[in-house]
Amino acid sequence: MISVEGVSRGYDDGARGTVRVLDGVKLEVAKGEFVAIVGRSGTGKSTLLHVLGGLDTGFTGEVTVAGTKLSKLKDGALSRFRNESVGFVFQSFHLVQGLSALENVMLPAAFAAGEGGGEAQAREALTRVGLGDKALRLPSQLSGGERQRVAIARALFNRPQVLLCDEPTGNLDAQTADEVIALFKSLNAQGLTIIAVTHEDRLREAAGRVVSLTDGRLST
């Protein structure tokens, strides 16, 4: 499902010159795996996730996700890849406050060329995360856990092959985090491939495999 071979990523840090965040990273993830990426803050975990999701293209090496070689894609094809093949879940929910849960979930349809609508698909995604009865509520009318579930439903809207999660329980209390982790486990049991960057011990324990990123290199 995912193949990362010799991927490096550096940033120009002014007086210090180029700082290498990823250093020859190698990673293989099989279809249906649930992998947690752990490590200290600033070790490049989010950068790796952004590379996998096609959000960061300034890397060297080879990245293949769901049969697509990312280094070969032009901007338009990369946008289609992000919209169709992967779903993103972040620590911040990134919901539009003036839109209902249903409308927030439907947002990816606005970026699909020649397509629109998708209400039935959005309702299906909300039902999948247990919020089918709260489709018309605004984010302000939902709890933190419910807002994160809406964000997850939005990530599931286009039925992605891979779900990429960056500290998805970071803004949640312990009980709500447990509920979201249980949802991830359920989605994974249904066959969805999940990669999660996390500091959360319970999310790490829920994953089928844990890899650690230290000094830009992965280890198991």
N, C-alpha and C. Protein backbone atom coordinates (compact mmCIF):
# COMPACT_ATOMS: atom_id res chain seq x y z
N MET A 1 0.82 -1.21 0.00
CA MET A 1 0.00 0.00 0.00
C MET A 1 0.86 1.27 0.00
N ILE A 2 1.89 1.28 0.90
CA ILE A 2 2.78 2.44 0.99
C ILE A 2 4.22 1.96 0.98
N SER A 3 5.02 2.61 0.14
CA SER A 3 6.45 2.31 0.08
C SER A 3 7.24 3.61 0.11
N VAL A 4 8.12 3.73 1.09
CA VAL A 4 8.99 4.90 1.23
C VAL A 4 10.42 4.41 1.15
N GLU A 5 11.18 4.93 0.21
CA GLU A 5 12.53 4.44 -0.02
C GLU A 5 13.52 5.60 -0.09
N GLY A 6 14.40 5.68 0.93
CA GLY A 6 15.47 6.67 0.93
C GLY A 6 15.00 8.10 0.89
N VAL A 7 13.95 8.42 1.64
CA VAL A 7 13.38 9.77 1.60
C VAL A 7 14.09 10.69 2.59
N SER A 8 14.54 11.82 2.06
CA SER A 8 15.17 12.86 2.88
C SER A 8 14.46 14.18 2.62
N ARG A 9 14.42 15.01 3.67
CA ARG A 9 13.80 16.33 3.54
C ARG A 9 14.55 17.31 4.42
N GLY A 10 15.01 18.41 3.84
CA GLY A 10 15.71 19.42 4.58
C GLY A 10 15.08 20.78 4.41
N TYR A 11 15.36 21.67 5.35
CA TYR A 11 14.83 23.03 5.30
C TYR A 11 15.98 24.02 5.51
N ASP A 12 15.91 25.15 4.84
CA ASP A 12 16.89 26.21 5.01
C ASP A 12 16.57 26.96 6.31
N ASP A 13 17.48 26.93 7.24
CA ASP A 13 17.26 27.55 8.54
C ASP A 13 18.17 28.75 8.74
N GLY A 14 18.34 29.53 7.70
CA GLY A 14 19.11 30.76 7.79
C GLY A 14 20.57 30.52 8.14
N ALA A 15 20.99 31.04 9.29
CA ALA A 15 22.40 30.98 9.69
C ALA A 15 22.89 29.55 9.83
N ARG A 16 22.00 28.64 10.21
CA ARG A 16 22.41 27.24 10.40
C ARG A 16 22.47 26.47 9.09
N GLY A 17 22.01 27.10 8.01
CA GLY A 17 22.01 26.40 6.72
C GLY A 17 20.87 25.40 6.64
N THR A 18 21.08 24.33 5.89
CA THR A 18 20.05 23.33 5.69
C THR A 18 19.98 22.37 6.87
N VAL A 19 18.80 22.25 7.45
CA VAL A 19 18.57 21.32 8.55
C VAL A 19 17.82 20.11 7.98
N ARG A 20 18.40 18.93 8.14
CA ARG A 20 17.77 17.73 7.60
C ARG A 20 16.80 17.16 8.63
N VAL A 21 15.53 17.11 8.25
CA VAL A 21 14.49 16.62 9.14
C VAL A 21 14.25 15.13 8.92
N LEU A 22 14.26 14.70 7.67
CA LEU A 22 14.17 13.28 7.33
C LEU A 22 15.46 12.87 6.66
N ASP A 23 15.98 11.72 7.05
CA ASP A 23 17.30 11.32 6.59
C ASP A 23 17.29 9.88 6.10
N GLY A 24 17.01 9.71 4.83
CA GLY A 24 17.03 8.38 4.23
C GLY A 24 15.98 7.44 4.79
N VAL A 25 14.77 7.94 5.03
CA VAL A 25 13.71 7.15 5.65
C VAL A 25 13.25 6.02 4.74
N LYS A 26 13.10 4.84 5.33
CA LYS A 26 12.54 3.68 4.64
C LYS A 26 11.35 3.17 5.44
N LEU A 27 10.25 2.90 4.75
CA LEU A 27 9.05 2.42 5.42
C LEU A 27 8.17 1.67 4.43
N GLU A 28 7.67 0.53 4.86
CA GLU A 28 6.72 -0.24 4.07
C GLU A 28 5.47 -0.47 4.93
N VAL A 29 4.32 -0.14 4.39
CA VAL A 29 3.06 -0.34 5.10
C VAL A 29 2.14 -1.16 4.20
N ALA A 30 1.68 -2.28 4.71
CA ALA A 30 0.80 -3.15 3.93
C ALA A 30 -0.64 -2.66 4.00
N LYS A 31 -1.42 -3.04 3.02
CA LYS A 31 -2.84 -2.68 3.00
C LYS A 31 -3.52 -3.22 4.27
N GLY A 32 -4.29 -2.37 4.93
CA GLY A 32 -5.01 -2.78 6.13
C GLY A 32 -4.23 -2.67 7.42
N GLU A 33 -3.00 -2.18 7.37
CA GLU A 33 -2.22 -2.00 8.61
C GLU A 33 -2.66 -0.75 9.36
N PHE A 34 -2.39 -0.75 10.65
CA PHE A 34 -2.58 0.42 11.52
C PHE A 34 -1.21 0.67 12.15
N VAL A 35 -0.54 1.73 11.69
CA VAL A 35 0.83 2.02 12.11
C VAL A 35 0.86 3.34 12.88
N ALA A 36 1.50 3.34 14.05
CA ALA A 36 1.71 4.56 14.82
C ALA A 36 3.16 5.00 14.67
N ILE A 37 3.35 6.29 14.42
CA ILE A 37 4.69 6.87 14.34
C ILE A 37 4.90 7.72 15.58
N VAL A 38 5.92 7.40 16.36
CA VAL A 38 6.18 8.10 17.61
C VAL A 38 7.57 8.72 17.58
N GLY A 39 7.82 9.60 18.55
CA GLY A 39 9.12 10.26 18.64
C GLY A 39 8.97 11.62 19.30
N ARG A 40 10.08 12.20 19.69
CA ARG A 40 10.05 13.51 20.35
C ARG A 40 9.52 14.58 19.40
N SER A 41 9.05 15.69 19.97
CA SER A 41 8.61 16.82 19.16
C SER A 41 9.77 17.34 18.32
N GLY A 42 9.47 17.70 17.09
CA GLY A 42 10.49 18.27 16.22
C GLY A 42 11.36 17.26 15.51
N THR A 43 10.99 15.97 15.58
CA THR A 43 11.82 14.95 14.94
C THR A 43 11.40 14.64 13.51
N GLY A 44 10.37 15.32 13.00
CA GLY A 44 10.00 15.14 11.61
C GLY A 44 8.80 14.25 11.37
N LYS A 45 8.07 13.91 12.43
CA LYS A 45 6.92 13.01 12.28
C LYS A 45 5.86 13.62 11.36
N SER A 46 5.50 14.86 11.63
CA SER A 46 4.48 15.51 10.80
C SER A 46 4.99 15.71 9.38
N THR A 47 6.27 16.02 9.24
CA THR A 47 6.84 16.17 7.90
C THR A 47 6.70 14.88 7.11
N LEU A 48 6.97 13.76 7.73
CA LEU A 48 6.83 12.47 7.05
C LEU A 48 5.38 12.24 6.64
N LEU A 49 4.45 12.56 7.53
CA LEU A 49 3.04 12.39 7.22
C LEU A 49 2.64 13.27 6.04
N HIS A 50 3.15 14.50 6.00
CA HIS A 50 2.83 15.41 4.91
C HIS A 50 3.42 14.91 3.59
N VAL A 51 4.58 14.30 3.65
CA VAL A 51 5.17 13.71 2.44
C VAL A 51 4.29 12.57 1.93
N LEU A 52 3.84 11.71 2.85
CA LEU A 52 3.00 10.58 2.46
C LEU A 52 1.68 11.03 1.85
N GLY A 53 1.17 12.16 2.33
CA GLY A 53 -0.12 12.66 1.86
C GLY A 53 -0.03 13.60 0.68
N GLY A 54 1.17 13.83 0.16
CA GLY A 54 1.31 14.71 -0.98
C GLY A 54 1.19 16.18 -0.64
N LEU A 55 1.29 16.53 0.65
CA LEU A 55 1.25 17.93 1.06
C LEU A 55 2.62 18.58 0.99
N ASP A 56 3.66 17.79 1.04
CA ASP A 56 5.04 18.27 1.00
C ASP A 56 5.75 17.55 -0.14
N THR A 57 6.18 18.32 -1.14
CA THR A 57 6.82 17.72 -2.32
C THR A 57 8.31 18.01 -2.40
N GLY A 58 8.87 18.67 -1.38
CA GLY A 58 10.27 19.07 -1.45
C GLY A 58 11.23 18.02 -0.93
N PHE A 59 10.93 16.74 -1.18
CA PHE A 59 11.76 15.66 -0.66
C PHE A 59 12.55 15.00 -1.79
N THR A 60 13.56 14.25 -1.39
CA THR A 60 14.27 13.38 -2.33
C THR A 60 13.98 11.94 -1.94
N GLY A 61 14.10 11.04 -2.90
CA GLY A 61 13.78 9.65 -2.66
C GLY A 61 12.48 9.28 -3.35
N GLU A 62 11.97 8.09 -3.06
CA GLU A 62 10.77 7.59 -3.73
C GLU A 62 9.66 7.31 -2.72
N VAL A 63 8.46 7.79 -3.03
CA VAL A 63 7.28 7.54 -2.21
C VAL A 63 6.16 7.04 -3.12
N THR A 64 5.64 5.87 -2.81
CA THR A 64 4.52 5.31 -3.56
C THR A 64 3.38 5.04 -2.58
N VAL A 65 2.21 5.58 -2.87
CA VAL A 65 1.04 5.40 -2.02
C VAL A 65 -0.12 4.92 -2.88
N ALA A 66 -0.68 3.77 -2.51
CA ALA A 66 -1.83 3.21 -3.24
C ALA A 66 -1.54 3.11 -4.73
N GLY A 67 -0.31 2.70 -5.05
CA GLY A 67 0.07 2.50 -6.45
C GLY A 67 0.48 3.74 -7.19
N THR A 68 0.47 4.90 -6.52
CA THR A 68 0.82 6.17 -7.16
C THR A 68 2.18 6.63 -6.69
N LYS A 69 3.08 6.88 -7.65
CA LYS A 69 4.43 7.38 -7.32
C LYS A 69 4.35 8.90 -7.23
N LEU A 70 4.49 9.44 -6.03
CA LEU A 70 4.21 10.85 -5.81
C LEU A 70 5.21 11.78 -6.49
N SER A 71 6.46 11.38 -6.61
CA SER A 71 7.47 12.27 -7.19
C SER A 71 7.21 12.53 -8.67
N LYS A 72 6.36 11.74 -9.29
CA LYS A 72 6.10 11.89 -10.72
C LYS A 72 4.88 12.76 -11.02
N LEU A 73 4.19 13.21 -9.99
CA LEU A 73 2.92 13.91 -10.21
C LEU A 73 3.10 15.41 -10.38
N LYS A 74 2.39 15.96 -11.34
CA LYS A 74 2.28 17.41 -11.48
C LYS A 74 1.24 17.92 -10.49
N ASP A 75 1.10 19.24 -10.40
CA ASP A 75 0.23 19.83 -9.38
C ASP A 75 -1.20 19.32 -9.47
N GLY A 76 -1.77 19.28 -10.68
CA GLY A 76 -3.16 18.85 -10.82
C GLY A 76 -3.37 17.42 -10.40
N ALA A 77 -2.45 16.55 -10.83
CA ALA A 77 -2.56 15.13 -10.48
C ALA A 77 -2.33 14.93 -8.99
N LEU A 78 -1.47 15.74 -8.40
CA LEU A 78 -1.21 15.64 -6.96
C LEU A 78 -2.44 16.06 -6.17
N SER A 79 -3.14 17.07 -6.64
CA SER A 79 -4.38 17.49 -5.97
C SER A 79 -5.43 16.39 -6.05
N ARG A 80 -5.54 15.75 -7.20
CA ARG A 80 -6.51 14.65 -7.33
C ARG A 80 -6.14 13.49 -6.42
N PHE A 81 -4.84 13.22 -6.31
CA PHE A 81 -4.39 12.15 -5.41
C PHE A 81 -4.79 12.46 -3.98
N ARG A 82 -4.55 13.69 -3.54
CA ARG A 82 -4.90 14.06 -2.16
C ARG A 82 -6.39 13.97 -1.92
N ASN A 83 -7.18 14.34 -2.90
CA ASN A 83 -8.62 14.37 -2.73
C ASN A 83 -9.25 12.98 -2.80
N GLU A 84 -8.64 12.07 -3.56
CA GLU A 84 -9.27 10.79 -3.83
C GLU A 84 -8.66 9.61 -3.07
N SER A 85 -7.36 9.64 -2.80
CA SER A 85 -6.69 8.45 -2.29
C SER A 85 -6.38 8.47 -0.81
N VAL A 86 -6.26 9.68 -0.23
CA VAL A 86 -5.91 9.77 1.19
C VAL A 86 -6.89 10.68 1.91
N GLY A 87 -7.08 10.40 3.19
CA GLY A 87 -7.86 11.28 4.06
C GLY A 87 -6.97 11.79 5.17
N PHE A 88 -7.18 13.03 5.59
CA PHE A 88 -6.35 13.65 6.61
C PHE A 88 -7.17 13.97 7.86
N VAL A 89 -6.61 13.65 9.02
CA VAL A 89 -7.20 14.03 10.30
C VAL A 89 -6.12 14.71 11.13
N PHE A 90 -6.41 15.92 11.60
CA PHE A 90 -5.40 16.69 12.32
C PHE A 90 -5.81 16.90 13.78
N GLN A 91 -4.87 17.41 14.58
CA GLN A 91 -5.16 17.69 15.98
C GLN A 91 -6.25 18.75 16.10
N SER A 92 -6.16 19.81 15.31
CA SER A 92 -7.21 20.80 15.24
C SER A 92 -8.24 20.32 14.23
N PHE A 93 -9.50 20.54 14.52
CA PHE A 93 -10.55 19.92 13.73
C PHE A 93 -10.72 20.57 12.36
N HIS A 94 -10.37 21.86 12.24
CA HIS A 94 -10.45 22.59 10.96
C HIS A 94 -11.85 22.52 10.35
N LEU A 95 -12.87 22.70 11.19
CA LEU A 95 -14.23 22.75 10.68
C LEU A 95 -14.62 24.22 10.40
N VAL A 96 -15.46 24.42 9.41
CA VAL A 96 -15.96 25.75 9.10
C VAL A 96 -17.15 26.02 10.02
N GLN A 97 -17.02 27.04 10.87
CA GLN A 97 -17.98 27.25 11.95
C GLN A 97 -19.40 27.53 11.45
N GLY A 98 -19.53 28.18 10.31
CA GLY A 98 -20.85 28.53 9.82
C GLY A 98 -21.55 27.45 9.04
N LEU A 99 -20.91 26.30 8.89
CA LEU A 99 -21.48 25.19 8.15
C LEU A 99 -21.90 24.08 9.10
N SER A 100 -22.95 23.37 8.73
CA SER A 100 -23.39 22.22 9.53
C SER A 100 -22.38 21.09 9.43
N ALA A 101 -22.53 20.09 10.29
CA ALA A 101 -21.68 18.90 10.21
C ALA A 101 -21.75 18.29 8.81
N LEU A 102 -22.94 18.17 8.27
CA LEU A 102 -23.13 17.60 6.94
C LEU A 102 -22.39 18.42 5.89
N GLU A 103 -22.52 19.74 5.95
CA GLU A 103 -21.86 20.61 4.96
C GLU A 103 -20.35 20.56 5.10
N ASN A 104 -19.85 20.44 6.33
CA ASN A 104 -18.41 20.30 6.53
C ASN A 104 -17.90 19.01 5.90
N VAL A 105 -18.64 17.94 6.06
CA VAL A 105 -18.22 16.66 5.49
C VAL A 105 -18.25 16.71 3.97
N MET A 106 -19.15 17.50 3.39
CA MET A 106 -19.28 17.58 1.94
C MET A 106 -18.22 18.47 1.29
N LEU A 107 -17.40 19.16 2.08
CA LEU A 107 -16.43 20.10 1.51
C LEU A 107 -15.51 19.48 0.46
N PRO A 108 -15.02 18.24 0.62
CA PRO A 108 -14.14 17.69 -0.42
C PRO A 108 -14.79 17.65 -1.80
N ALA A 109 -16.12 17.58 -1.87
CA ALA A 109 -16.80 17.56 -3.16
C ALA A 109 -16.57 18.85 -3.93
N ALA A 110 -16.34 19.95 -3.19
CA ALA A 110 -16.12 21.23 -3.85
C ALA A 110 -14.80 21.28 -4.60
N PHE A 111 -13.88 20.36 -4.26
CA PHE A 111 -12.57 20.34 -4.89
C PHE A 111 -12.43 19.23 -5.92
N ALA A 112 -13.51 18.50 -6.17
CA ALA A 112 -13.50 17.43 -7.16
C ALA A 112 -13.98 18.01 -8.48
N ALA A 113 -13.10 17.97 -9.49
CA ALA A 113 -13.40 18.58 -10.79
C ALA A 113 -14.68 18.01 -11.38
N GLY A 114 -15.60 18.91 -11.74
CA GLY A 114 -16.81 18.50 -12.42
C GLY A 114 -17.83 17.83 -11.53
N GLU A 115 -17.61 17.85 -10.22
CA GLU A 115 -18.54 17.18 -9.32
C GLU A 115 -19.04 18.15 -8.26
N GLY A 116 -20.14 17.83 -7.67
CA GLY A 116 -20.68 18.64 -6.60
C GLY A 116 -21.63 17.79 -5.78
N GLY A 117 -22.28 18.44 -4.82
CA GLY A 117 -23.26 17.68 -4.05
C GLY A 117 -22.60 16.66 -3.15
N GLY A 118 -23.10 15.42 -3.22
CA GLY A 118 -22.55 14.35 -2.41
C GLY A 118 -23.21 14.22 -1.06
N GLU A 119 -24.46 14.70 -0.94
CA GLU A 119 -25.12 14.67 0.37
C GLU A 119 -25.28 13.24 0.89
N ALA A 120 -25.72 12.33 0.02
CA ALA A 120 -25.91 10.94 0.46
C ALA A 120 -24.58 10.34 0.92
N GLN A 121 -23.51 10.66 0.22
CA GLN A 121 -22.18 10.16 0.57
C GLN A 121 -21.73 10.74 1.91
N ALA A 122 -22.03 12.02 2.13
CA ALA A 122 -21.67 12.67 3.39
C ALA A 122 -22.46 12.09 4.56
N ARG A 123 -23.74 11.83 4.34
CA ARG A 123 -24.55 11.22 5.40
C ARG A 123 -24.04 9.82 5.73
N GLU A 124 -23.61 9.10 4.71
CA GLU A 124 -23.04 7.77 4.93
C GLU A 124 -21.79 7.86 5.80
N ALA A 125 -20.93 8.85 5.52
CA ALA A 125 -19.70 9.03 6.29
C ALA A 125 -20.02 9.40 7.74
N LEU A 126 -21.01 10.27 7.94
CA LEU A 126 -21.40 10.65 9.30
C LEU A 126 -21.97 9.46 10.06
N THR A 127 -22.75 8.66 9.38
CA THR A 127 -23.29 7.46 10.03
C THR A 127 -22.17 6.51 10.41
N ARG A 128 -21.16 6.45 9.57
CA ARG A 128 -20.02 5.55 9.82
C ARG A 128 -19.28 5.92 11.09
N VAL A 129 -19.28 7.21 11.45
CA VAL A 129 -18.59 7.65 12.67
C VAL A 129 -19.56 7.88 13.82
N GLY A 130 -20.81 7.45 13.64
CA GLY A 130 -21.77 7.51 14.73
C GLY A 130 -22.47 8.83 14.91
N LEU A 131 -22.50 9.67 13.87
CA LEU A 131 -23.12 10.99 14.00
C LEU A 131 -24.23 11.21 12.97
N GLY A 132 -24.84 10.13 12.52
CA GLY A 132 -25.89 10.27 11.53
C GLY A 132 -27.05 11.11 11.98
N ASP A 133 -27.28 11.18 13.29
CA ASP A 133 -28.42 11.94 13.81
C ASP A 133 -28.06 13.39 14.13
N LYS A 134 -26.81 13.80 13.87
CA LYS A 134 -26.39 15.17 14.19
C LYS A 134 -25.88 15.90 12.96
N ALA A 135 -26.37 15.48 11.79
CA ALA A 135 -25.88 16.02 10.52
C ALA A 135 -26.10 17.52 10.38
N LEU A 136 -27.17 18.04 10.96
CA LEU A 136 -27.53 19.45 10.75
C LEU A 136 -27.02 20.37 11.86
N ARG A 137 -26.30 19.83 12.81
CA ARG A 137 -25.78 20.67 13.89
C ARG A 137 -24.53 21.42 13.45
N LEU A 138 -24.39 22.63 13.99
CA LEU A 138 -23.18 23.42 13.75
C LEU A 138 -22.06 22.92 14.66
N PRO A 139 -20.80 23.17 14.30
CA PRO A 139 -19.69 22.76 15.17
C PRO A 139 -19.84 23.25 16.61
N SER A 140 -20.39 24.47 16.79
CA SER A 140 -20.55 25.02 18.14
C SER A 140 -21.57 24.24 18.97
N GLN A 141 -22.37 23.42 18.31
CA GLN A 141 -23.38 22.62 19.00
C GLN A 141 -22.92 21.19 19.26
N LEU A 142 -21.65 20.94 18.98
CA LEU A 142 -21.08 19.60 19.14
C LEU A 142 -19.98 19.61 20.19
N SER A 143 -19.77 18.48 20.84
CA SER A 143 -18.66 18.34 21.79
C SER A 143 -17.35 18.23 21.01
N GLY A 144 -16.23 18.31 21.74
CA GLY A 144 -14.93 18.18 21.09
C GLY A 144 -14.77 16.85 20.36
N GLY A 145 -15.21 15.79 21.01
CA GLY A 145 -15.12 14.47 20.38
C GLY A 145 -15.98 14.37 19.15
N GLU A 146 -17.18 14.99 19.21
CA GLU A 146 -18.06 14.98 18.04
C GLU A 146 -17.48 15.79 16.90
N ARG A 147 -16.84 16.92 17.22
CA ARG A 147 -16.21 17.72 16.17
C ARG A 147 -15.09 16.93 15.50
N GLN A 148 -14.32 16.16 16.30
CA GLN A 148 -13.27 15.35 15.69
C GLN A 148 -13.87 14.24 14.83
N ARG A 149 -15.01 13.70 15.25
CA ARG A 149 -15.68 12.68 14.43
C ARG A 149 -16.17 13.26 13.11
N VAL A 150 -16.64 14.50 13.14
CA VAL A 150 -17.01 15.16 11.89
C VAL A 150 -15.79 15.30 10.98
N ALA A 151 -14.66 15.68 11.58
CA ALA A 151 -13.42 15.80 10.80
C ALA A 151 -13.02 14.44 10.21
N ILE A 152 -13.21 13.38 10.97
CA ILE A 152 -12.90 12.04 10.47
C ILE A 152 -13.87 11.66 9.34
N ALA A 153 -15.15 11.99 9.52
CA ALA A 153 -16.13 11.72 8.47
C ALA A 153 -15.76 12.45 7.19
N ARG A 154 -15.32 13.69 7.32
CA ARG A 154 -14.88 14.45 6.14
C ARG A 154 -13.70 13.77 5.47
N ALA A 155 -12.78 13.24 6.27
CA ALA A 155 -11.63 12.52 5.71
C ALA A 155 -12.06 11.25 5.00
N LEU A 156 -13.19 10.68 5.43
CA LEU A 156 -13.69 9.44 4.84
C LEU A 156 -14.61 9.68 3.64
N PHE A 157 -14.96 10.94 3.40
CA PHE A 157 -15.99 11.27 2.42
C PHE A 157 -15.74 10.63 1.05
N ASN A 158 -14.52 10.74 0.57
CA ASN A 158 -14.19 10.20 -0.76
C ASN A 158 -13.71 8.76 -0.72
N ARG A 159 -13.99 8.07 0.39
CA ARG A 159 -13.64 6.66 0.56
C ARG A 159 -12.16 6.42 0.24
N PRO A 160 -11.26 7.07 1.00
CA PRO A 160 -9.82 6.95 0.73
C PRO A 160 -9.30 5.56 1.04
N GLN A 161 -8.15 5.26 0.47
CA GLN A 161 -7.49 4.00 0.75
C GLN A 161 -6.61 4.09 2.00
N VAL A 162 -6.20 5.31 2.34
CA VAL A 162 -5.30 5.53 3.48
C VAL A 162 -5.81 6.70 4.30
N LEU A 163 -5.79 6.55 5.63
CA LEU A 163 -6.13 7.64 6.54
C LEU A 163 -4.86 8.06 7.27
N LEU A 164 -4.49 9.34 7.13
CA LEU A 164 -3.29 9.89 7.76
C LEU A 164 -3.71 10.81 8.89
N CYS A 165 -3.24 10.52 10.10
CA CYS A 165 -3.71 11.22 11.30
C CYS A 165 -2.52 11.85 12.03
N ASP A 166 -2.61 13.16 12.27
CA ASP A 166 -1.53 13.89 12.95
C ASP A 166 -2.01 14.32 14.32
N GLU A 167 -1.60 13.60 15.36
CA GLU A 167 -2.01 13.85 16.75
C GLU A 167 -3.53 13.99 16.85
N PRO A 168 -4.30 13.01 16.37
CA PRO A 168 -5.76 13.16 16.30
C PRO A 168 -6.47 13.22 17.63
N THR A 169 -5.79 12.82 18.72
CA THR A 169 -6.41 12.89 20.04
C THR A 169 -5.80 13.98 20.91
N GLY A 170 -4.96 14.80 20.31
CA GLY A 170 -4.21 15.79 21.08
C GLY A 170 -5.06 16.84 21.77
N ASN A 171 -6.25 17.15 21.23
CA ASN A 171 -7.11 18.17 21.82
C ASN A 171 -8.29 17.58 22.59
N LEU A 172 -8.22 16.30 22.92
CA LEU A 172 -9.37 15.62 23.53
C LEU A 172 -9.05 15.16 24.94
N ASP A 173 -10.07 15.13 25.80
CA ASP A 173 -9.88 14.57 27.13
C ASP A 173 -9.75 13.06 27.03
N ALA A 174 -9.38 12.41 28.13
CA ALA A 174 -9.04 10.99 28.09
C ALA A 174 -10.20 10.12 27.62
N GLN A 175 -11.40 10.38 28.14
CA GLN A 175 -12.55 9.55 27.76
C GLN A 175 -12.90 9.73 26.29
N THR A 176 -12.89 10.99 25.83
CA THR A 176 -13.22 11.26 24.43
C THR A 176 -12.14 10.68 23.52
N ALA A 177 -10.88 10.78 23.94
CA ALA A 177 -9.80 10.20 23.15
C ALA A 177 -9.99 8.69 23.00
N ASP A 178 -10.42 8.03 24.08
CA ASP A 178 -10.67 6.59 24.00
C ASP A 178 -11.75 6.28 22.97
N GLU A 179 -12.77 7.12 22.92
CA GLU A 179 -13.86 6.89 21.96
C GLU A 179 -13.36 7.05 20.52
N VAL A 180 -12.52 8.05 20.29
CA VAL A 180 -11.97 8.26 18.94
C VAL A 180 -11.02 7.13 18.56
N ILE A 181 -10.22 6.67 19.52
CA ILE A 181 -9.31 5.55 19.26
C ILE A 181 -10.11 4.30 18.92
N ALA A 182 -11.21 4.07 19.63
CA ALA A 182 -12.07 2.92 19.32
C ALA A 182 -12.62 3.03 17.91
N LEU A 183 -12.93 4.25 17.48
CA LEU A 183 -13.41 4.46 16.11
C LEU A 183 -12.32 4.10 15.10
N PHE A 184 -11.09 4.53 15.37
CA PHE A 184 -9.99 4.18 14.47
C PHE A 184 -9.82 2.66 14.38
N LYS A 185 -9.91 1.99 15.52
CA LYS A 185 -9.77 0.54 15.52
C LYS A 185 -10.88 -0.12 14.70
N SER A 186 -12.09 0.42 14.80
CA SER A 186 -13.21 -0.11 14.03
C SER A 186 -13.00 0.11 12.54
N LEU A 187 -12.55 1.30 12.16
CA LEU A 187 -12.30 1.59 10.75
C LEU A 187 -11.19 0.69 10.20
N ASN A 188 -10.15 0.49 11.02
CA ASN A 188 -9.06 -0.39 10.60
C ASN A 188 -9.54 -1.83 10.45
N ALA A 189 -10.42 -2.27 11.34
CA ALA A 189 -10.96 -3.63 11.25
C ALA A 189 -11.78 -3.81 9.99
N GLN A 190 -12.30 -2.70 9.45
CA GLN A 190 -13.05 -2.75 8.20
C GLN A 190 -12.14 -2.73 6.98
N GLY A 191 -10.82 -2.65 7.22
CA GLY A 191 -9.86 -2.74 6.12
C GLY A 191 -9.15 -1.45 5.77
N LEU A 192 -9.45 -0.35 6.47
CA LEU A 192 -8.82 0.92 6.15
C LEU A 192 -7.39 0.97 6.68
N THR A 193 -6.46 1.37 5.85
CA THR A 193 -5.07 1.54 6.25
C THR A 193 -4.94 2.87 6.99
N ILE A 194 -4.33 2.84 8.19
CA ILE A 194 -4.22 4.04 9.02
C ILE A 194 -2.78 4.23 9.45
N ILE A 195 -2.29 5.46 9.30
CA ILE A 195 -0.99 5.85 9.85
C ILE A 195 -1.23 7.06 10.74
N ALA A 196 -0.81 6.95 12.00
CA ALA A 196 -1.07 8.01 12.98
C ALA A 196 0.21 8.45 13.65
N VAL A 197 0.48 9.75 13.59
CA VAL A 197 1.54 10.36 14.40
C VAL A 197 0.94 10.66 15.76
N THR A 198 1.61 10.25 16.84
CA THR A 198 0.99 10.42 18.15
C THR A 198 1.99 10.47 19.29
N HIS A 199 1.59 11.19 20.36
CA HIS A 199 2.26 11.11 21.66
C HIS A 199 1.41 10.33 22.65
N GLU A 200 0.25 9.90 22.21
CA GLU A 200 -0.75 9.27 23.07
C GLU A 200 -0.46 7.78 23.22
N ASP A 201 -0.17 7.34 24.47
CA ASP A 201 0.15 5.93 24.70
C ASP A 201 -0.98 5.01 24.27
N ARG A 202 -2.22 5.41 24.53
CA ARG A 202 -3.34 4.54 24.19
C ARG A 202 -3.52 4.38 22.68
N LEU A 203 -3.26 5.44 21.94
CA LEU A 203 -3.33 5.32 20.48
C LEU A 203 -2.21 4.45 19.96
N ARG A 204 -1.04 4.60 20.56
CA ARG A 204 0.09 3.74 20.16
C ARG A 204 -0.21 2.28 20.45
N GLU A 205 -0.84 2.01 21.59
CA GLU A 205 -1.17 0.63 21.95
C GLU A 205 -2.25 0.05 21.05
N ALA A 206 -3.09 0.91 20.49
CA ALA A 206 -4.16 0.45 19.61
C ALA A 206 -3.64 0.05 18.24
N ALA A 207 -2.50 0.61 17.85
CA ALA A 207 -1.94 0.34 16.53
C ALA A 207 -1.39 -1.09 16.47
N GLY A 208 -1.36 -1.61 15.28
CA GLY A 208 -0.81 -2.94 15.09
C GLY A 208 0.71 -2.95 15.05
N ARG A 209 1.29 -1.78 14.72
CA ARG A 209 2.76 -1.67 14.66
C ARG A 209 3.15 -0.26 15.03
N VAL A 210 4.27 -0.13 15.74
CA VAL A 210 4.78 1.16 16.16
C VAL A 210 6.18 1.35 15.61
N VAL A 211 6.43 2.50 14.98
CA VAL A 211 7.77 2.84 14.52
C VAL A 211 8.17 4.17 15.16
N SER A 212 9.44 4.33 15.42
CA SER A 212 9.94 5.52 16.09
C SER A 212 10.82 6.33 15.14
N LEU A 213 10.62 7.64 15.13
CA LEU A 213 11.42 8.53 14.30
C LEU A 213 12.38 9.30 15.21
N THR A 214 13.67 9.07 15.01
CA THR A 214 14.71 9.70 15.82
C THR A 214 15.81 10.23 14.90
N ASP A 215 16.11 11.52 15.03
CA ASP A 215 17.15 12.13 14.20
C ASP A 215 16.91 11.87 12.71
N GLY A 216 15.64 11.91 12.32
CA GLY A 216 15.30 11.78 10.91
C GLY A 216 15.27 10.37 10.37
N ARG A 217 15.47 9.38 11.25
CA ARG A 217 15.48 7.98 10.80
C ARG A 217 14.44 7.16 11.56
N LEU A 218 13.83 6.21 10.87
CA LEU A 218 12.84 5.36 11.47
C LEU A 218 13.46 4.08 12.04
N SER A 219 12.92 3.63 13.15
CA SER A 219 13.33 2.36 13.71
C SER A 219 12.09 1.68 14.29
N THR A 220 12.11 0.37 14.40
CA THR A 220 10.96 -0.37 14.93
C THR A 220 11.21 -0.78 16.37
